[in-house]
Amino acid sequence: MYNGWTGVDLDGTLARHDDWQGHTHIGEPVPLMLDRVKQWIEQGVEVRIVTARVASTSHGREEAREAIRQWCKEHIGVELAVTSEKDYSMLELWDDRCVPVEFNTGRKLLDEGS
C-alpha cells in the first residue's frame, strides 16, 4: 500500500476537452490515461481527480463534483475523490498544464533549452 495519493487532472488529461459545455459536461475518456488510472487502482494507489471545476470560487462546484463522481463510476468502475487542492500527501500530479521543475533547483525539465 502507498502512503499518499496521485492526482489526475480531469479536462484534457483523463477526459477529452474540446469546448466548454457547462460544469456538468465531461468528455469521453482519454484511453491511455484511463488505462493508467485503472492500473494504479488495481495496484492499490489512491487516485484523486484534481480539477478547478470544484474550486471554492467555481460556480456549480457541487453539481460538478457529483457529475465527476458519476463519470468515474461509469468509466473507471469506482467513484474517486474529487478536489481542487493538493496537500502534503500528494505524491504526484498528472496534468496537461504542468511544467515539470527539477526539485530544489528551479530548472525546467523536459526542455532541451532549460
Foldseek 3Di string as FASTA:
>chain_A
DDQFAEEEEFDPTQADDDDDDDLLDTHHGDVVNLVVVLVCVVVVHQYEYAYPSQPPPHPPNVNSLVSQQVVCCVRNVGGHHYYNDDDPRHPYYHDPPDFDAPPPPRHTPPDPVD
